Amino acid sequence: KGKVLDEASVITYDADTREIFAVGDEAYAMIGKT
C-alpha cells in the first residue's frame, strides 16, 4: 500500500485519569492551548 500515515508524535490526555483525548496532528494543534 505504501505510506498510509504521517502525523505528529503528540498525544493529549487527562493528567489524572490518563484518558486519551487526541493523538497526531489533532493533538499537535492543542499544544499550549489545553
Full PDB file with SEQRES, HELIX, SHEET, SSBOND, CRYST1, ORIGX, SCALE, CONECT and MASTER records, all heavy atoms in Angstrom:
SEQRES   1 A   34  LYS GLY LYS VAL LEU ASP GLU ALA SER VAL ILE THR TYR          
SEQRES   2 A   34  ASP ALA ASP THR ARG GLU ILE PHE ALA VAL GLY ASP GLU          
SEQRES   3 A   34  ALA TYR ALA MET ILE GLY LYS THR                              
HELIX    1 AA1 ASP A   25  TYR A   28  1                                   4    
SHEET    1 AA1 2 ILE A  11  TYR A  13  0                                        
SHEET    2 AA1 2 ILE A  20  VAL A  23 -1                                        
CRYST1    1.000    1.000    1.000  90.00  90.00  90.00 P 1           1          
ORIGX1      1.000000  0.000000  0.000000        0.00000                         
ORIGX2      0.000000  1.000000  0.000000        0.00000                         
ORIGX3      0.000000  0.000000  1.000000        0.00000                         
SCALE1      1.000000  0.000000  0.000000        0.00000                         
SCALE2      0.000000  1.000000  0.000000        0.00000                         
SCALE3      0.000000  0.000000  1.000000        0.00000                         
ATOM      1  N   LYS A   1       0.819  -1.215   0.000  1.00  0.00           N  
ATOM      2  CA  LYS A   1       0.000   0.000   0.000  1.00  0.00           C  
ATOM      3  C   LYS A   1       0.854   1.267   0.000  1.00  0.00           C  
ATOM      4  O   LYS A   1       0.435   2.304  -0.494  1.00  0.00           O  
ATOM      5  CB  LYS A   1      -0.936   0.031   1.217  1.00  0.00           C  
ATOM      6  CG  LYS A   1      -2.086  -0.962   1.151  1.00  0.00           C  
ATOM      7  CD  LYS A   1      -3.030  -0.749   2.331  1.00  0.00           C  
ATOM      8  CE  LYS A   1      -4.225  -1.694   2.276  1.00  0.00           C  
ATOM      9  NZ  LYS A   1      -5.139  -1.486   3.418  1.00  0.00           N  
ATOM     10  N   GLY A   2       2.041   1.177   0.585  1.00  0.00           N  
ATOM     11  CA  GLY A   2       2.897   2.351   0.696  1.00  0.00           C  
ATOM     12  C   GLY A   2       2.671   3.098   2.006  1.00  0.00           C  
ATOM     13  O   GLY A   2       2.099   2.561   2.959  1.00  0.00           O  
ATOM     14  N   LYS A   3       3.099   4.355   2.047  1.00  0.00           N  
ATOM     15  CA  LYS A   3       2.939   5.162   3.260  1.00  0.00           C  
ATOM     16  C   LYS A   3       1.468   5.516   3.445  1.00  0.00           C  
ATOM     17  O   LYS A   3       0.843   6.085   2.551  1.00  0.00           O  
ATOM     18  CB  LYS A   3       3.775   6.436   3.173  1.00  0.00           C  
ATOM     19  CG  LYS A   3       3.816   7.222   4.468  1.00  0.00           C  
ATOM     20  CD  LYS A   3       4.666   8.469   4.366  1.00  0.00           C  
ATOM     21  CE  LYS A   3       3.952   9.559   3.598  1.00  0.00           C  
ATOM     22  NZ  LYS A   3       4.610  10.869   3.702  1.00  0.00           N  
ATOM     23  N   VAL A   4       0.917   5.144   4.592  1.00  0.00           N  
ATOM     24  CA  VAL A   4      -0.514   5.370   4.827  1.00  0.00           C  
ATOM     25  C   VAL A   4      -0.769   6.375   5.942  1.00  0.00           C  
ATOM     26  O   VAL A   4      -1.909   6.796   6.142  1.00  0.00           O  
ATOM     27  CB  VAL A   4      -1.229   4.037   5.166  1.00  0.00           C  
ATOM     28  CG1 VAL A   4      -1.171   3.084   3.990  1.00  0.00           C  
ATOM     29  CG2 VAL A   4      -0.626   3.387   6.415  1.00  0.00           C  
ATOM     30  N   LEU A   5       0.289   6.770   6.664  1.00  0.00           N  
ATOM     31  CA  LEU A   5       0.071   7.701   7.779  1.00  0.00           C  
ATOM     32  C   LEU A   5       1.305   8.551   8.004  1.00  0.00           C  
ATOM     33  O   LEU A   5       2.431   8.073   7.921  1.00  0.00           O  
ATOM     34  CB  LEU A   5      -0.279   6.916   9.055  1.00  0.00           C  
ATOM     35  CG  LEU A   5      -0.530   7.775  10.312  1.00  0.00           C  
ATOM     36  CD1 LEU A   5      -1.793   7.318  11.031  1.00  0.00           C  
ATOM     37  CD2 LEU A   5       0.651   7.686  11.268  1.00  0.00           C  
ATOM     38  N   ASP A   6       1.089   9.828   8.282  1.00  0.00           N  
ATOM     39  CA  ASP A   6       2.154  10.764   8.610  1.00  0.00           C  
ATOM     40  C   ASP A   6       1.557  11.824   9.528  1.00  0.00           C  
ATOM     41  O   ASP A   6       0.962  12.794   9.076  1.00  0.00           O  
ATOM     42  CB  ASP A   6       2.727  11.396   7.338  1.00  0.00           C  
ATOM     43  CG  ASP A   6       3.904  12.328   7.623  1.00  0.00           C  
ATOM     44  OD1 ASP A   6       4.188  12.571   8.808  1.00  0.00           O  
ATOM     45  OD2 ASP A   6       4.519  12.822   6.662  1.00  0.00           O  
ATOM     46  N   GLU A   7       1.695  11.622  10.838  1.00  0.00           N  
ATOM     47  CA  GLU A   7       1.088  12.533  11.817  1.00  0.00           C  
ATOM     48  C   GLU A   7       2.092  12.901  12.899  1.00  0.00           C  
ATOM     49  O   GLU A   7       3.106  12.221  13.094  1.00  0.00           O  
ATOM     50  CB  GLU A   7      -0.153  11.883  12.444  1.00  0.00           C  
ATOM     51  CG  GLU A   7      -1.250  11.550  11.449  1.00  0.00           C  
ATOM     52  CD  GLU A   7      -2.620  12.018  11.898  1.00  0.00           C  
ATOM     53  OE1 GLU A   7      -2.725  12.754  12.897  1.00  0.00           O  
ATOM     54  OE2 GLU A   7      -3.599  11.630  11.245  1.00  0.00           O  
ATOM     55  N   ALA A   8       1.791  13.977  13.607  1.00  0.00           N  
ATOM     56  CA  ALA A   8       2.671  14.441  14.681  1.00  0.00           C  
ATOM     57  C   ALA A   8       2.727  13.414  15.808  1.00  0.00           C  
ATOM     58  O   ALA A   8       1.721  12.766  16.123  1.00  0.00           O  
ATOM     59  CB  ALA A   8       2.170  15.778  15.218  1.00  0.00           C  
ATOM     60  N   SER A   9       3.901  13.262  16.397  1.00  0.00           N  
ATOM     61  CA  SER A   9       4.073  12.344  17.532  1.00  0.00           C  
ATOM     62  C   SER A   9       3.684  13.067  18.820  1.00  0.00           C  
ATOM     63  O   SER A   9       4.513  13.347  19.695  1.00  0.00           O  
ATOM     64  CB  SER A   9       5.522  11.863  17.609  1.00  0.00           C  
ATOM     65  OG  SER A   9       5.882  11.154  16.456  1.00  0.00           O  
ATOM     66  N   VAL A  10       2.408  13.359  18.927  1.00  0.00           N  
ATOM     67  CA  VAL A  10       1.876  14.099  20.077  1.00  0.00           C  
ATOM     68  C   VAL A  10       0.609  13.416  20.561  1.00  0.00           C  
ATOM     69  O   VAL A  10      -0.171  12.890  19.748  1.00  0.00           O  
ATOM     70  CB  VAL A  10       1.560  15.569  19.716  1.00  0.00           C  
ATOM     71  CG1 VAL A  10       1.078  16.338  20.943  1.00  0.00           C  
ATOM     72  CG2 VAL A  10       2.781  16.251  19.114  1.00  0.00           C  
ATOM     73  N   ILE A  11       0.409  13.408  21.854  1.00  0.00           N  
ATOM     74  CA  ILE A  11      -0.806  12.828  22.430  1.00  0.00           C  
ATOM     75  C   ILE A  11      -1.334  13.757  23.510  1.00  0.00           C  
ATOM     76  O   ILE A  11      -0.568  14.334  24.287  1.00  0.00           O  
ATOM     77  CB  ILE A  11      -0.521  11.417  22.996  1.00  0.00           C  
ATOM     78  CG1 ILE A  11      -1.800  10.734  23.469  1.00  0.00           C  
ATOM     79  CG2 ILE A  11       0.525  11.462  24.105  1.00  0.00           C  
ATOM     80  CD1 ILE A  11      -1.638   9.251  23.740  1.00  0.00           C  
ATOM     81  N   THR A  12      -2.644  13.958  23.525  1.00  0.00           N  
ATOM     82  CA  THR A  12      -3.292  14.805  24.533  1.00  0.00           C  
ATOM     83  C   THR A  12      -4.093  13.913  25.469  1.00  0.00           C  
ATOM     84  O   THR A  12      -4.876  13.072  25.007  1.00  0.00           O  
ATOM     85  CB  THR A  12      -4.220  15.829  23.863  1.00  0.00           C  
ATOM     86  OG1 THR A  12      -3.470  16.599  22.914  1.00  0.00           O  
ATOM     87  CG2 THR A  12      -4.816  16.769  24.892  1.00  0.00           C  
ATOM     88  N   TYR A  13      -3.899  14.101  26.785  1.00  0.00           N  
ATOM     89  CA  TYR A  13      -4.534  13.193  27.754  1.00  0.00           C  
ATOM     90  C   TYR A  13      -4.853  13.912  29.059  1.00  0.00           C  
ATOM     91  O   TYR A  13      -4.331  15.005  29.331  1.00  0.00           O  
ATOM     92  CB  TYR A  13      -3.612  12.007  28.040  1.00  0.00           C  
ATOM     93  CG  TYR A  13      -2.301  12.395  28.705  1.00  0.00           C  
ATOM     94  CD1 TYR A  13      -2.124  12.269  30.077  1.00  0.00           C  
ATOM     95  CD2 TYR A  13      -1.236  12.904  27.961  1.00  0.00           C  
ATOM     96  CE1 TYR A  13      -0.948  12.636  30.688  1.00  0.00           C  
ATOM     97  CE2 TYR A  13      -0.048  13.283  28.556  1.00  0.00           C  
ATOM     98  CZ  TYR A  13       0.096  13.134  29.929  1.00  0.00           C  
ATOM     99  OH  TYR A  13       1.262  13.518  30.539  1.00  0.00           O  
ATOM    100  N   ASP A  14      -5.722  13.281  29.851  1.00  0.00           N  
ATOM    101  CA  ASP A  14      -6.073  13.797  31.176  1.00  0.00           C  
ATOM    102  C   ASP A  14      -4.974  13.407  32.153  1.00  0.00           C  
ATOM    103  O   ASP A  14      -4.631  12.226  32.273  1.00  0.00           O  
ATOM    104  CB  ASP A  14      -7.422  13.218  31.626  1.00  0.00           C  
ATOM    105  CG  ASP A  14      -7.928  13.866  32.899  1.00  0.00           C  
ATOM    106  OD1 ASP A  14      -7.259  13.715  33.947  1.00  0.00           O  
ATOM    107  OD2 ASP A  14      -8.992  14.516  32.867  1.00  0.00           O  
ATOM    108  N   ALA A  15      -4.409  14.382  32.848  1.00  0.00           N  
ATOM    109  CA  ALA A  15      -3.284  14.122  33.740  1.00  0.00           C  
ATOM    110  C   ALA A  15      -3.654  13.216  34.912  1.00  0.00           C  
ATOM    111  O   ALA A  15      -2.793  12.518  35.451  1.00  0.00           O  
ATOM    112  CB  ALA A  15      -2.727  15.443  34.266  1.00  0.00           C  
ATOM    113  N   ASP A  16      -4.919  13.206  35.318  1.00  0.00           N  
ATOM    114  CA  ASP A  16      -5.341  12.403  36.469  1.00  0.00           C  
ATOM    115  C   ASP A  16      -5.804  11.007  36.065  1.00  0.00           C  
ATOM    116  O   ASP A  16      -5.368  10.008  36.634  1.00  0.00           O  
ATOM    117  CB  ASP A  16      -6.461  13.125  37.228  1.00  0.00           C  
ATOM    118  CG  ASP A  16      -5.997  14.449  37.808  1.00  0.00           C  
ATOM    119  OD1 ASP A  16      -4.838  14.507  38.280  1.00  0.00           O  
ATOM    120  OD2 ASP A  16      -6.774  15.422  37.777  1.00  0.00           O  
ATOM    121  N   THR A  17      -6.690  10.935  35.094  1.00  0.00           N  
ATOM    122  CA  THR A  17      -7.269   9.648  34.710  1.00  0.00           C  
ATOM    123  C   THR A  17      -6.517   8.963  33.579  1.00  0.00           C  
ATOM    124  O   THR A  17      -6.764   7.794  33.289  1.00  0.00           O  
ATOM    125  CB  THR A  17      -8.733   9.831  34.284  1.00  0.00           C  
ATOM    126  OG1 THR A  17      -8.782  10.628  33.081  1.00  0.00           O  
ATOM    127  CG2 THR A  17      -9.523  10.540  35.373  1.00  0.00           C  
ATOM    128  N   ARG A  18      -5.611   9.701  32.898  1.00  0.00           N  
ATOM    129  CA  ARG A  18      -4.852   9.208  31.745  1.00  0.00           C  
ATOM    130  C   ARG A  18      -5.751   8.909  30.547  1.00  0.00           C  
ATOM    131  O   ARG A  18      -5.373   8.196  29.621  1.00  0.00           O  
ATOM    132  CB  ARG A  18      -4.052   7.946  32.092  1.00  0.00           C  
ATOM    133  CG  ARG A  18      -3.180   8.063  33.313  1.00  0.00           C  
ATOM    134  CD  ARG A  18      -2.050   9.045  33.129  1.00  0.00           C  
ATOM    135  NE  ARG A  18      -0.938   8.488  32.363  1.00  0.00           N  
ATOM    136  CZ  ARG A  18       0.233   9.094  32.206  1.00  0.00           C  
ATOM    137  NH1 ARG A  18       0.424  10.304  32.746  1.00  0.00           N  
ATOM    138  NH2 ARG A  18       1.197   8.552  31.504  1.00  0.00           N  
ATOM    139  N   GLU A  19      -6.950   9.461  30.555  1.00  0.00           N  
ATOM    140  CA  GLU A  19      -7.851   9.286  29.413  1.00  0.00           C  
ATOM    141  C   GLU A  19      -7.297  10.046  28.209  1.00  0.00           C  
ATOM    142  O   GLU A  19      -6.868  11.186  28.320  1.00  0.00           O  
ATOM    143  CB  GLU A  19      -9.248   9.811  29.765  1.00  0.00           C  
ATOM    144  CG  GLU A  19     -10.248   9.716  28.609  1.00  0.00           C  
ATOM    145  CD  GLU A  19     -11.571  10.404  28.906  1.00  0.00           C  
ATOM    146  OE1 GLU A  19     -11.743  10.882  30.052  1.00  0.00           O  
ATOM    147  OE2 GLU A  19     -12.404  10.481  27.998  1.00  0.00           O  
ATOM    148  N   ILE A  20      -7.316   9.393  27.034  1.00  0.00           N  
ATOM    149  CA  ILE A  20      -6.760   9.990  25.819  1.00  0.00           C  
ATOM    150  C   ILE A  20      -7.821  10.833  25.116  1.00  0.00           C  
ATOM    151  O   ILE A  20      -8.938  10.370  24.882  1.00  0.00           O  
ATOM    152  CB  ILE A  20      -6.240   8.904  24.861  1.00  0.00           C  
ATOM    153  CG1 ILE A  20      -5.283   7.949  25.587  1.00  0.00           C  
ATOM    154  CG2 ILE A  20      -5.558   9.547  23.662  1.00  0.00           C  
ATOM    155  CD1 ILE A  20      -4.082   8.603  26.185  1.00  0.00           C  
ATOM    156  N   PHE A  21      -7.455  12.074  24.769  1.00  0.00           N  
ATOM    157  CA  PHE A  21      -8.380  12.957  24.064  1.00  0.00           C  
ATOM    158  C   PHE A  21      -8.084  13.037  22.572  1.00  0.00           C  
ATOM    159  O   PHE A  21      -8.987  13.094  21.750  1.00  0.00           O  
ATOM    160  CB  PHE A  21      -8.338  14.364  24.671  1.00  0.00           C  
ATOM    161  CG  PHE A  21      -8.976  14.465  26.020  1.00  0.00           C  
ATOM    162  CD1 PHE A  21      -8.201  14.476  27.168  1.00  0.00           C  
ATOM    163  CD2 PHE A  21     -10.356  14.515  26.157  1.00  0.00           C  
ATOM    164  CE1 PHE A  21      -8.780  14.554  28.421  1.00  0.00           C  
ATOM    165  CE2 PHE A  21     -10.942  14.594  27.403  1.00  0.00           C  
ATOM    166  CZ  PHE A  21     -10.161  14.604  28.538  1.00  0.00           C  
ATOM    167  N   ALA A  22      -6.814  13.078  22.226  1.00  0.00           N  
ATOM    168  CA  ALA A  22      -6.463  13.207  20.807  1.00  0.00           C  
ATOM    169  C   ALA A  22      -5.032  12.734  20.602  1.00  0.00           C  
ATOM    170  O   ALA A  22      -4.217  12.733  21.534  1.00  0.00           O  
ATOM    171  CB  ALA A  22      -6.616  14.656  20.346  1.00  0.00           C  
ATOM    172  N   VAL A  23      -4.730  12.334  19.366  1.00  0.00           N  
ATOM    173  CA  VAL A  23      -3.365  11.960  19.001  1.00  0.00           C  
ATOM    174  C   VAL A  23      -3.039  12.567  17.638  1.00  0.00           C  
ATOM    175  O   VAL A  23      -3.937  12.998  16.904  1.00  0.00           O  
ATOM    176  CB  VAL A  23      -3.180  10.425  18.940  1.00  0.00           C  
ATOM    177  CG1 VAL A  23      -3.391   9.784  20.295  1.00  0.00           C  
ATOM    178  CG2 VAL A  23      -4.104   9.807  17.903  1.00  0.00           C  
ATOM    179  N   GLY A  24      -1.761  12.591  17.291  1.00  0.00           N  
ATOM    180  CA  GLY A  24      -1.356  13.044  15.970  1.00  0.00           C  
ATOM    181  C   GLY A  24      -1.483  14.548  15.765  1.00  0.00           C  
ATOM    182  O   GLY A  24      -1.297  15.344  16.683  1.00  0.00           O  
ATOM    183  N   ASP A  25      -1.854  14.926  14.550  1.00  0.00           N  
ATOM    184  CA  ASP A  25      -1.955  16.346  14.190  1.00  0.00           C  
ATOM    185  C   ASP A  25      -3.008  17.073  15.014  1.00  0.00           C  
ATOM    186  O   ASP A  25      -2.862  18.254  15.333  1.00  0.00           O  
ATOM    187  CB  ASP A  25      -2.276  16.490  12.697  1.00  0.00           C  
ATOM    188  CG  ASP A  25      -1.119  16.044  11.815  1.00  0.00           C  
ATOM    189  OD1 ASP A  25       0.024  16.006  12.316  1.00  0.00           O  
ATOM    190  OD2 ASP A  25      -1.358  15.734  10.632  1.00  0.00           O  
ATOM    191  N   GLU A  26      -4.084  16.364  15.354  1.00  0.00           N  
ATOM    192  CA  GLU A  26      -5.139  16.976  16.178  1.00  0.00           C  
ATOM    193  C   GLU A  26      -4.593  17.349  17.548  1.00  0.00           C  
ATOM    194  O   GLU A  26      -4.885  18.424  18.080  1.00  0.00           O  
ATOM    195  CB  GLU A  26      -6.310  15.998  16.312  1.00  0.00           C  
ATOM    196  CG  GLU A  26      -7.499  16.577  17.063  1.00  0.00           C  
ATOM    197  CD  GLU A  26      -8.641  15.576  17.239  1.00  0.00           C  
ATOM    198  OE1 GLU A  26      -8.547  14.464  16.671  1.00  0.00           O  
ATOM    199  OE2 GLU A  26      -9.611  15.915  17.947  1.00  0.00           O  
ATOM    200  N   ALA A  27      -3.773  16.469  18.125  1.00  0.00           N  
ATOM    201  CA  ALA A  27      -3.177  16.752  19.431  1.00  0.00           C  
ATOM    202  C   ALA A  27      -2.114  17.839  19.322  1.00  0.00           C  
ATOM    203  O   ALA A  27      -1.953  18.664  20.230  1.00  0.00           O  
ATOM    204  CB  ALA A  27      -2.570  15.467  20.001  1.00  0.00           C  
ATOM    205  N   TYR A  28      -1.383  17.870  18.205  1.00  0.00           N  
ATOM    206  CA  TYR A  28      -0.347  18.884  17.996  1.00  0.00           C  
ATOM    207  C   TYR A  28      -0.947  20.289  18.023  1.00  0.00           C  
ATOM    208  O   TYR A  28      -0.351  21.227  18.564  1.00  0.00           O  
ATOM    209  CB  TYR A  28       0.354  18.638  16.654  1.00  0.00           C  
ATOM    210  CG  TYR A  28       1.411  19.659  16.312  1.00  0.00           C  
ATOM    211  CD1 TYR A  28       2.695  19.560  16.823  1.00  0.00           C  
ATOM    212  CD2 TYR A  28       1.116  20.735  15.467  1.00  0.00           C  
ATOM    213  CE1 TYR A  28       3.670  20.501  16.503  1.00  0.00           C  
ATOM    214  CE2 TYR A  28       2.078  21.678  15.145  1.00  0.00           C  
ATOM    215  CZ  TYR A  28       3.357  21.559  15.667  1.00  0.00           C  
ATOM    216  OH  TYR A  28       4.309  22.498  15.353  1.00  0.00           O  
ATOM    217  N   ALA A  29      -2.140  20.431  17.439  1.00  0.00           N  
ATOM    218  CA  ALA A  29      -2.808  21.736  17.402  1.00  0.00           C  
ATOM    219  C   ALA A  29      -3.206  22.209  18.804  1.00  0.00           C  
ATOM    220  O   ALA A  29      -3.508  23.381  19.005  1.00  0.00           O  
ATOM    221  CB  ALA A  29      -4.040  21.670  16.504  1.00  0.00           C  
ATOM    222  N   MET A  30      -3.216  21.289  19.778  1.00  0.00           N  
ATOM    223  CA  MET A  30      -3.635  21.633  21.141  1.00  0.00           C  
ATOM    224  C   MET A  30      -2.464  22.031  22.033  1.00  0.00           C  
ATOM    225  O   MET A  30      -2.687  22.462  23.166  1.00  0.00           O  
ATOM    226  CB  MET A  30      -4.353  20.437  21.780  1.00  0.00           C  
ATOM    227  CG  MET A  30      -5.601  19.982  21.060  1.00  0.00           C  
ATOM    228  SD  MET A  30      -6.344  18.549  21.896  1.00  0.00           S  
ATOM    229  CE  MET A  30      -7.709  18.170  20.780  1.00  0.00           C  
ATOM    230  N   ILE A  31      -1.222  21.875  21.566  1.00  0.00           N  
ATOM    231  CA  ILE A  31      -0.070  22.199  22.413  1.00  0.00           C  
ATOM    232  C   ILE A  31      -0.122  23.661  22.836  1.00  0.00           C  
ATOM    233  O   ILE A  31      -0.248  24.564  22.015  1.00  0.00           O  
ATOM    234  CB  ILE A  31       1.250  21.916  21.655  1.00  0.00           C  
ATOM    235  CG1 ILE A  31       1.410  20.415  21.404  1.00  0.00           C  
ATOM    236  CG2 ILE A  31       2.444  22.440  22.449  1.00  0.00           C  
ATOM    237  CD1 ILE A  31       2.662  20.059  20.632  1.00  0.00           C  
ATOM    238  N   GLY A  32      -0.020  23.875  24.146  1.00  0.00           N  
ATOM    239  CA  GLY A  32      -0.054  25.232  24.684  1.00  0.00           C  
ATOM    240  C   GLY A  32      -1.442  25.816  24.802  1.00  0.00           C  
ATOM    241  O   GLY A  32      -1.601  26.967  25.218  1.00  0.00           O  
ATOM    242  N   LYS A  33      -2.480  25.048  24.435  1.00  0.00           N  
ATOM    243  CA  LYS A  33      -3.850  25.560  24.448  1.00  0.00           C  
ATOM    244  C   LYS A  33      -4.783  24.729  25.325  1.00  0.00           C  
ATOM    245  O   LYS A  33      -5.982  24.953  25.319  1.00  0.00           O  
ATOM    246  CB  LYS A  33      -4.406  25.595  23.021  1.00  0.00           C  
ATOM    247  CG  LYS A  33      -3.581  26.445  22.057  1.00  0.00           C  
ATOM    248  CD  LYS A  33      -4.134  26.381  20.647  1.00  0.00           C  
ATOM    249  CE  LYS A  33      -3.287  27.192  19.675  1.00  0.00           C  
ATOM    250  NZ  LYS A  33      -3.801  27.141  18.287  1.00  0.00           N  
ATOM    251  N   THR A  34      -4.239  23.761  26.037  1.00  0.00           N  
ATOM    252  CA  THR A  34      -5.086  22.860  26.827  1.00  0.00           C  
ATOM    253  C   THR A  34      -5.502  23.496  28.155  1.00  0.00           C  
ATOM    254  O   THR A  34      -4.754  24.288  28.726  1.00  0.00           O  
ATOM    255  CB  THR A  34      -4.345  21.543  27.113  1.00  0.00           C  
ATOM    256  OG1 THR A  34      -3.091  21.845  27.754  1.00  0.00           O  
ATOM    257  CG2 THR A  34      -4.090  20.776  25.835  1.00  0.00           C  
TER     258      THR A  34                                                      
MASTER        0    0    0    1    2    0    0    6  257    1    0    3          
END                                                                             
